[in-house]
Amino acid sequence: GYAVFSHEEAQEMLERKRCLLLAAAVALGTAYVIRFWGINFAATANLKGPLVNAFAWIACLALLGCGKAWWDRETAFTRYMRGRSFGFFVLHNYLIVLFAWGIDVLLHPATVWYYVLEFLLLILVMPVLYEILSRIPVVRRLFFGIS
């Protein structure tokens, strides 16, 4: 997805089709909720079904198209992220797994706190870790493809 949707042409096409994609996502989301209400969302029948996959795919495309149309603004944060987004993309899964393990082993919180703590740790640690790793020449080249 990143290789395709990072191109400006693909983003512009999604922006032009955003209303259609958004309407389709709402319709598919409504159908999904009606069909699977009360059923475990992680059940195989749910996850392998064409309805959930169509909804997820169209909702992602709608989000990209609407984001391009309504939220494509330059700020200090977006200028900072422009050159670092791929590095964050590379690091985030490793950090999520590491934090989930640490939170589970050390804290055993209620389920909702896993998500809150993971989010807070990720937004605090990832920029610092990226800035450190991106300054080590071998690591920068191997992990982020930066010469």
N, C-alpha and C. Protein backbone atom coordinates (compact mmCIF):
# COMPACT_ATOMS: atom_id res chain seq x y z
N GLY A 1 0.80 -1.19 0.00
CA GLY A 1 0.00 0.00 0.00
C GLY A 1 0.84 1.26 0.00
N TYR A 2 1.89 1.27 0.81
CA TYR A 2 2.72 2.47 0.90
C TYR A 2 3.34 2.79 -0.45
N ALA A 3 3.82 1.76 -1.15
CA ALA A 3 4.48 1.98 -2.44
C ALA A 3 3.51 2.54 -3.48
N VAL A 4 2.25 2.18 -3.40
CA VAL A 4 1.26 2.67 -4.37
C VAL A 4 0.68 4.01 -3.93
N PHE A 5 0.23 4.10 -2.69
CA PHE A 5 -0.51 5.28 -2.25
C PHE A 5 0.37 6.44 -1.78
N SER A 6 1.67 6.27 -1.85
CA SER A 6 2.54 7.41 -1.56
C SER A 6 2.73 8.29 -2.80
N HIS A 7 2.26 7.82 -3.95
CA HIS A 7 2.38 8.59 -5.19
C HIS A 7 1.25 9.61 -5.29
N GLU A 8 1.59 10.80 -5.70
CA GLU A 8 0.64 11.91 -5.79
C GLU A 8 -0.53 11.59 -6.73
N GLU A 9 -0.26 10.90 -7.83
CA GLU A 9 -1.34 10.57 -8.80
C GLU A 9 -2.40 9.68 -8.15
N ALA A 10 -1.97 8.70 -7.39
CA ALA A 10 -2.92 7.80 -6.72
C ALA A 10 -3.73 8.57 -5.68
N GLN A 11 -3.09 9.45 -4.94
CA GLN A 11 -3.79 10.25 -3.94
C GLN A 11 -4.81 11.19 -4.60
N GLU A 12 -4.44 11.79 -5.71
CA GLU A 12 -5.38 12.68 -6.41
C GLU A 12 -6.58 11.93 -6.95
N MET A 13 -6.37 10.70 -7.44
CA MET A 13 -7.50 9.90 -7.92
C MET A 13 -8.45 9.57 -6.77
N LEU A 14 -7.90 9.22 -5.61
CA LEU A 14 -8.75 8.94 -4.45
C LEU A 14 -9.46 10.20 -3.97
N GLU A 15 -8.80 11.34 -4.07
CA GLU A 15 -9.43 12.60 -3.69
C GLU A 15 -10.63 12.90 -4.59
N ARG A 16 -10.49 12.66 -5.88
CA ARG A 16 -11.61 12.91 -6.81
C ARG A 16 -12.79 11.98 -6.52
N LYS A 17 -12.53 10.77 -6.07
CA LYS A 17 -13.58 9.77 -5.83
C LYS A 17 -14.01 9.70 -4.36
N ARG A 18 -13.59 10.67 -3.54
CA ARG A 18 -13.79 10.58 -2.09
C ARG A 18 -15.26 10.45 -1.69
N CYS A 19 -16.16 11.19 -2.33
CA CYS A 19 -17.58 11.13 -1.94
C CYS A 19 -18.17 9.75 -2.23
N LEU A 20 -17.84 9.20 -3.38
CA LEU A 20 -18.31 7.87 -3.73
C LEU A 20 -17.72 6.83 -2.77
N LEU A 21 -16.43 6.93 -2.50
CA LEU A 21 -15.78 5.99 -1.58
C LEU A 21 -16.34 6.11 -0.17
N LEU A 22 -16.59 7.34 0.28
CA LEU A 22 -17.14 7.54 1.61
C LEU A 22 -18.56 6.96 1.73
N ALA A 23 -19.37 7.18 0.71
CA ALA A 23 -20.73 6.63 0.71
C ALA A 23 -20.68 5.10 0.71
N ALA A 24 -19.80 4.53 -0.09
CA ALA A 24 -19.67 3.07 -0.14
C ALA A 24 -19.17 2.53 1.20
N ALA A 25 -18.25 3.24 1.83
CA ALA A 25 -17.73 2.80 3.14
C ALA A 25 -18.82 2.83 4.20
N VAL A 26 -19.64 3.87 4.20
CA VAL A 26 -20.74 3.96 5.17
C VAL A 26 -21.75 2.84 4.93
N ALA A 27 -22.08 2.60 3.66
CA ALA A 27 -23.04 1.54 3.33
C ALA A 27 -22.49 0.17 3.73
N LEU A 28 -21.25 -0.10 3.38
CA LEU A 28 -20.65 -1.39 3.74
C LEU A 28 -20.48 -1.52 5.25
N GLY A 29 -20.13 -0.44 5.92
CA GLY A 29 -20.00 -0.46 7.37
C GLY A 29 -21.33 -0.76 8.06
N THR A 30 -22.38 -0.16 7.54
CA THR A 30 -23.71 -0.41 8.08
C THR A 30 -24.10 -1.87 7.88
N ALA A 31 -23.87 -2.39 6.67
CA ALA A 31 -24.18 -3.79 6.38
C ALA A 31 -23.35 -4.72 7.28
N TYR A 32 -22.10 -4.36 7.49
CA TYR A 32 -21.22 -5.16 8.34
C TYR A 32 -21.74 -5.21 9.78
N VAL A 33 -22.12 -4.06 10.32
CA VAL A 33 -22.63 -4.02 11.69
C VAL A 33 -23.91 -4.83 11.81
N ILE A 34 -24.81 -4.69 10.84
CA ILE A 34 -26.07 -5.44 10.88
C ILE A 34 -25.79 -6.94 10.81
N ARG A 35 -24.89 -7.35 9.93
CA ARG A 35 -24.62 -8.78 9.73
C ARG A 35 -23.89 -9.40 10.93
N PHE A 36 -22.93 -8.69 11.50
CA PHE A 36 -22.08 -9.30 12.52
C PHE A 36 -22.33 -8.77 13.93
N TRP A 37 -23.43 -8.10 14.16
CA TRP A 37 -23.73 -7.56 15.49
C TRP A 37 -23.77 -8.70 16.50
N GLY A 38 -23.00 -8.57 17.58
CA GLY A 38 -23.01 -9.57 18.64
C GLY A 38 -22.08 -10.74 18.41
N ILE A 39 -21.45 -10.79 17.26
CA ILE A 39 -20.52 -11.89 16.95
C ILE A 39 -19.10 -11.40 17.23
N ASN A 40 -18.27 -12.29 17.73
CA ASN A 40 -16.88 -11.96 18.00
C ASN A 40 -16.23 -11.42 16.72
N PHE A 41 -15.72 -10.19 16.78
CA PHE A 41 -15.15 -9.58 15.59
C PHE A 41 -13.88 -10.29 15.13
N ALA A 42 -13.25 -11.08 16.01
CA ALA A 42 -12.04 -11.80 15.64
C ALA A 42 -12.32 -13.23 15.19
N ALA A 43 -13.60 -13.61 15.09
CA ALA A 43 -13.95 -14.96 14.66
C ALA A 43 -13.57 -15.16 13.19
N THR A 44 -13.18 -16.37 12.85
CA THR A 44 -12.73 -16.67 11.49
C THR A 44 -13.80 -16.33 10.46
N ALA A 45 -15.05 -16.65 10.74
CA ALA A 45 -16.13 -16.36 9.78
C ALA A 45 -16.22 -14.87 9.49
N ASN A 46 -15.94 -14.07 10.48
CA ASN A 46 -15.97 -12.63 10.32
C ASN A 46 -14.76 -12.17 9.51
N LEU A 47 -13.57 -12.54 9.94
CA LEU A 47 -12.35 -12.03 9.33
C LEU A 47 -12.12 -12.50 7.90
N LYS A 48 -12.62 -13.68 7.56
CA LYS A 48 -12.42 -14.20 6.21
C LYS A 48 -13.57 -13.86 5.28
N GLY A 49 -14.61 -13.24 5.80
CA GLY A 49 -15.78 -12.94 4.98
C GLY A 49 -15.52 -11.81 3.99
N PRO A 50 -16.15 -11.87 2.85
CA PRO A 50 -15.96 -10.82 1.85
C PRO A 50 -16.49 -9.46 2.31
N LEU A 51 -17.53 -9.46 3.15
CA LEU A 51 -18.11 -8.19 3.59
C LEU A 51 -17.12 -7.39 4.44
N VAL A 52 -16.48 -8.04 5.41
CA VAL A 52 -15.54 -7.32 6.27
C VAL A 52 -14.34 -6.83 5.46
N ASN A 53 -13.88 -7.62 4.52
CA ASN A 53 -12.72 -7.22 3.73
C ASN A 53 -13.07 -6.11 2.74
N ALA A 54 -14.25 -6.17 2.16
CA ALA A 54 -14.68 -5.08 1.26
C ALA A 54 -14.84 -3.78 2.06
N PHE A 55 -15.45 -3.88 3.23
CA PHE A 55 -15.61 -2.69 4.08
C PHE A 55 -14.26 -2.11 4.47
N ALA A 56 -13.35 -2.96 4.92
CA ALA A 56 -12.03 -2.47 5.36
C ALA A 56 -11.28 -1.81 4.21
N TRP A 57 -11.31 -2.42 3.05
CA TRP A 57 -10.58 -1.87 1.90
C TRP A 57 -11.18 -0.55 1.45
N ILE A 58 -12.48 -0.50 1.28
CA ILE A 58 -13.13 0.74 0.82
C ILE A 58 -13.01 1.84 1.88
N ALA A 59 -13.10 1.48 3.16
CA ALA A 59 -12.96 2.48 4.22
C ALA A 59 -11.55 3.07 4.21
N CYS A 60 -10.53 2.26 3.99
CA CYS A 60 -9.16 2.77 3.91
C CYS A 60 -9.00 3.71 2.71
N LEU A 61 -9.55 3.33 1.57
CA LEU A 61 -9.47 4.20 0.39
C LEU A 61 -10.23 5.50 0.62
N ALA A 62 -11.39 5.42 1.26
CA ALA A 62 -12.17 6.63 1.56
C ALA A 62 -11.41 7.54 2.52
N LEU A 63 -10.78 6.96 3.51
CA LEU A 63 -10.00 7.74 4.46
C LEU A 63 -8.84 8.46 3.76
N LEU A 64 -8.16 7.78 2.87
CA LEU A 64 -7.07 8.41 2.13
C LEU A 64 -7.58 9.54 1.24
N GLY A 65 -8.69 9.30 0.54
CA GLY A 65 -9.25 10.33 -0.34
C GLY A 65 -9.77 11.53 0.43
N CYS A 66 -10.48 11.30 1.51
CA CYS A 66 -11.01 12.40 2.34
C CYS A 66 -9.87 13.14 3.03
N GLY A 67 -8.88 12.40 3.46
CA GLY A 67 -7.73 13.03 4.10
C GLY A 67 -7.00 13.96 3.15
N LYS A 68 -6.84 13.52 1.91
CA LYS A 68 -6.19 14.36 0.90
C LYS A 68 -7.00 15.63 0.65
N ALA A 69 -8.31 15.51 0.62
CA ALA A 69 -9.17 16.65 0.30
C ALA A 69 -9.33 17.61 1.48
N TRP A 70 -9.49 17.07 2.68
CA TRP A 70 -9.90 17.90 3.80
C TRP A 70 -8.80 18.19 4.82
N TRP A 71 -7.76 17.36 4.86
CA TRP A 71 -6.75 17.53 5.91
C TRP A 71 -5.34 17.69 5.36
N ASP A 72 -5.20 17.91 4.07
CA ASP A 72 -3.88 18.03 3.45
C ASP A 72 -3.36 19.45 3.64
N ARG A 73 -2.84 19.75 4.82
CA ARG A 73 -2.34 21.07 5.17
C ARG A 73 -0.90 20.94 5.64
N GLU A 74 -0.11 21.96 5.42
CA GLU A 74 1.26 21.93 5.90
C GLU A 74 1.36 22.68 7.23
N THR A 75 1.92 21.99 8.20
CA THR A 75 2.16 22.56 9.53
C THR A 75 3.58 22.20 9.94
N ALA A 76 4.00 22.69 11.08
CA ALA A 76 5.33 22.33 11.59
C ALA A 76 5.42 20.81 11.78
N PHE A 77 4.34 20.19 12.26
CA PHE A 77 4.34 18.75 12.47
C PHE A 77 4.46 18.00 11.14
N THR A 78 3.70 18.42 10.12
CA THR A 78 3.77 17.72 8.83
C THR A 78 5.12 17.92 8.16
N ARG A 79 5.73 19.09 8.34
CA ARG A 79 7.08 19.30 7.80
C ARG A 79 8.07 18.36 8.49
N TYR A 80 7.93 18.21 9.81
CA TYR A 80 8.79 17.28 10.55
C TYR A 80 8.59 15.84 10.06
N MET A 81 7.33 15.44 9.88
CA MET A 81 7.03 14.06 9.52
C MET A 81 7.35 13.72 8.06
N ARG A 82 7.39 14.69 7.20
CA ARG A 82 7.59 14.43 5.77
C ARG A 82 8.80 13.55 5.52
N GLY A 83 9.91 13.85 6.12
CA GLY A 83 11.11 13.07 5.89
C GLY A 83 11.27 11.88 6.80
N ARG A 84 10.36 11.71 7.75
CA ARG A 84 10.52 10.66 8.74
C ARG A 84 9.42 9.59 8.70
N SER A 85 8.41 9.78 7.90
CA SER A 85 7.25 8.88 7.94
C SER A 85 7.63 7.44 7.61
N PHE A 86 8.54 7.22 6.66
CA PHE A 86 8.92 5.84 6.35
C PHE A 86 9.66 5.21 7.53
N GLY A 87 10.52 5.97 8.17
CA GLY A 87 11.22 5.46 9.34
C GLY A 87 10.26 5.10 10.47
N PHE A 88 9.26 5.93 10.69
CA PHE A 88 8.24 5.64 11.70
C PHE A 88 7.47 4.38 11.30
N PHE A 89 7.16 4.26 10.00
CA PHE A 89 6.46 3.08 9.49
C PHE A 89 7.27 1.82 9.78
N VAL A 90 8.57 1.87 9.56
CA VAL A 90 9.44 0.72 9.79
C VAL A 90 9.50 0.36 11.27
N LEU A 91 9.58 1.34 12.14
CA LEU A 91 9.77 1.10 13.58
C LEU A 91 8.50 0.75 14.34
N HIS A 92 7.35 1.24 13.91
CA HIS A 92 6.19 1.19 14.80
C HIS A 92 5.76 -0.22 15.20
N ASN A 93 5.80 -1.19 14.30
CA ASN A 93 5.36 -2.54 14.67
C ASN A 93 6.27 -3.16 15.73
N TYR A 94 7.56 -2.97 15.59
CA TYR A 94 8.49 -3.51 16.59
C TYR A 94 8.21 -2.90 17.96
N LEU A 95 8.01 -1.60 17.98
CA LEU A 95 7.76 -0.93 19.26
C LEU A 95 6.42 -1.35 19.87
N ILE A 96 5.40 -1.50 19.05
CA ILE A 96 4.10 -1.93 19.56
C ILE A 96 4.20 -3.29 20.23
N VAL A 97 4.89 -4.23 19.58
CA VAL A 97 5.05 -5.57 20.15
C VAL A 97 5.87 -5.50 21.44
N LEU A 98 6.96 -4.76 21.41
CA LEU A 98 7.81 -4.63 22.59
C LEU A 98 7.04 -4.00 23.76
N PHE A 99 6.30 -2.94 23.48
CA PHE A 99 5.53 -2.28 24.55
C PHE A 99 4.42 -3.18 25.07
N ALA A 100 3.74 -3.90 24.18
CA ALA A 100 2.66 -4.79 24.62
C ALA A 100 3.22 -5.87 25.55
N TRP A 101 4.35 -6.44 25.18
CA TRP A 101 4.98 -7.45 26.02
C TRP A 101 5.35 -6.85 27.37
N GLY A 102 6.00 -5.70 27.36
CA GLY A 102 6.42 -5.06 28.60
C GLY A 102 5.25 -4.70 29.50
N ILE A 103 4.21 -4.15 28.91
CA ILE A 103 3.03 -3.78 29.70
C ILE A 103 2.39 -5.03 30.31
N ASP A 104 2.33 -6.10 29.53
CA ASP A 104 1.73 -7.33 30.03
C ASP A 104 2.56 -7.94 31.16
N VAL A 105 3.87 -8.02 30.96
CA VAL A 105 4.74 -8.65 31.95
C VAL A 105 4.85 -7.81 33.22
N LEU A 106 4.96 -6.50 33.06
CA LEU A 106 5.23 -5.65 34.22
C LEU A 106 3.98 -5.14 34.93
N LEU A 107 2.92 -4.85 34.18
CA LEU A 107 1.78 -4.14 34.77
C LEU A 107 0.48 -4.93 34.87
N HIS A 108 0.19 -5.77 33.91
CA HIS A 108 -1.09 -6.51 33.86
C HIS A 108 -2.30 -5.59 34.03
N PRO A 109 -2.42 -4.52 33.25
CA PRO A 109 -3.55 -3.60 33.45
C PRO A 109 -4.84 -4.14 32.84
N ALA A 110 -5.92 -3.42 33.10
CA ALA A 110 -7.19 -3.72 32.43
C ALA A 110 -6.99 -3.50 30.93
N THR A 111 -7.75 -4.19 30.12
CA THR A 111 -7.55 -4.19 28.67
C THR A 111 -7.49 -2.80 28.07
N VAL A 112 -8.38 -1.92 28.46
CA VAL A 112 -8.40 -0.58 27.87
C VAL A 112 -7.08 0.15 28.11
N TRP A 113 -6.43 -0.12 29.23
CA TRP A 113 -5.17 0.55 29.55
C TRP A 113 -4.02 0.08 28.68
N TYR A 114 -4.11 -1.14 28.13
CA TYR A 114 -3.09 -1.58 27.17
C TYR A 114 -3.04 -0.60 26.00
N TYR A 115 -4.20 -0.27 25.46
CA TYR A 115 -4.26 0.63 24.30
C TYR A 115 -3.79 2.03 24.65
N VAL A 116 -4.22 2.53 25.78
CA VAL A 116 -3.82 3.88 26.20
C VAL A 116 -2.32 3.95 26.43
N LEU A 117 -1.78 2.99 27.17
CA LEU A 117 -0.34 2.98 27.46
C LEU A 117 0.49 2.78 26.20
N GLU A 118 0.06 1.87 25.34
CA GLU A 118 0.78 1.65 24.07
C GLU A 118 0.83 2.93 23.25
N PHE A 119 -0.29 3.60 23.14
CA PHE A 119 -0.35 4.84 22.36
C PHE A 119 0.58 5.90 22.95
N LEU A 120 0.49 6.10 24.25
CA LEU A 120 1.33 7.11 24.89
C LEU A 120 2.81 6.78 24.76
N LEU A 121 3.18 5.53 25.01
CA LEU A 121 4.58 5.14 24.86
C LEU A 121 5.05 5.31 23.42
N LEU A 122 4.21 4.95 22.47
CA LEU A 122 4.60 5.05 21.06
C LEU A 122 4.85 6.50 20.66
N ILE A 123 3.96 7.42 21.02
CA ILE A 123 4.16 8.81 20.60
C ILE A 123 5.30 9.47 21.35
N LEU A 124 5.66 8.95 22.52
CA LEU A 124 6.78 9.52 23.25
C LEU A 124 8.13 8.93 22.81
N VAL A 125 8.17 7.63 22.59
CA VAL A 125 9.43 6.95 22.32
C VAL A 125 9.83 6.96 20.85
N MET A 126 8.87 6.80 19.95
CA MET A 126 9.22 6.65 18.53
C MET A 126 10.01 7.82 17.97
N PRO A 127 9.62 9.08 18.17
CA PRO A 127 10.43 10.17 17.61
C PRO A 127 11.86 10.18 18.16
N VAL A 128 12.00 9.92 19.44
CA VAL A 128 13.34 9.92 20.05
C VAL A 128 14.18 8.77 19.47
N LEU A 129 13.60 7.59 19.42
CA LEU A 129 14.32 6.43 18.89
C LEU A 129 14.69 6.64 17.42
N TYR A 130 13.76 7.17 16.63
CA TYR A 130 14.06 7.43 15.22
C TYR A 130 15.21 8.42 15.09
N GLU A 131 15.17 9.49 15.85
CA GLU A 131 16.23 10.51 15.75
C GLU A 131 17.59 9.92 16.14
N ILE A 132 17.61 9.04 17.11
CA ILE A 132 18.87 8.39 17.50
C ILE A 132 19.34 7.45 16.39
N LEU A 133 18.46 6.54 15.96
CA LEU A 133 18.85 5.55 14.95
C LEU A 133 19.20 6.17 13.61
N SER A 134 18.55 7.25 13.25
CA SER A 134 18.81 7.88 11.95
C SER A 134 20.16 8.59 11.91
N ARG A 135 20.80 8.72 13.05
CA ARG A 135 22.12 9.37 13.11
C ARG A 135 23.28 8.36 13.13
N ILE A 136 22.95 7.07 13.15
CA ILE A 136 23.97 6.02 13.12
C ILE A 136 24.05 5.54 11.68
N PRO A 137 25.17 5.81 10.98
CA PRO A 137 25.24 5.56 9.53
C PRO A 137 24.82 4.16 9.08
N VAL A 138 25.33 3.11 9.70
CA VAL A 138 25.00 1.76 9.26
C VAL A 138 23.52 1.46 9.50
N VAL A 139 23.02 1.82 10.66
CA VAL A 139 21.61 1.58 10.99
C VAL A 139 20.72 2.39 10.06
N ARG A 140 21.07 3.64 9.84
CA ARG A 140 20.29 4.52 8.97
C ARG A 140 20.15 3.90 7.57
N ARG A 141 21.24 3.37 7.05
CA ARG A 141 21.23 2.77 5.70
C ARG A 141 20.44 1.47 5.68
N LEU A 142 20.66 0.59 6.65
CA LEU A 142 20.00 -0.72 6.65
C LEU A 142 18.51 -0.65 6.96
N PHE A 143 18.13 0.15 7.94
CA PHE A 143 16.72 0.19 8.36
C PHE A 143 15.87 1.16 7.56
N PHE A 144 16.42 2.33 7.24
CA PHE A 144 15.61 3.38 6.64
C PHE A 144 15.96 3.68 5.19
N GLY A 145 17.03 3.05 4.68
CA GLY A 145 17.42 3.28 3.29
C GLY A 145 17.96 4.67 3.02
N ILE A 146 18.46 5.33 4.06
CA ILE A 146 18.98 6.69 3.92
C ILE A 146 20.49 6.60 3.77
N SER A 147 21.03 7.13 2.66
CA SER A 147 22.49 7.09 2.48
C SER A 147 23.16 8.21 3.22
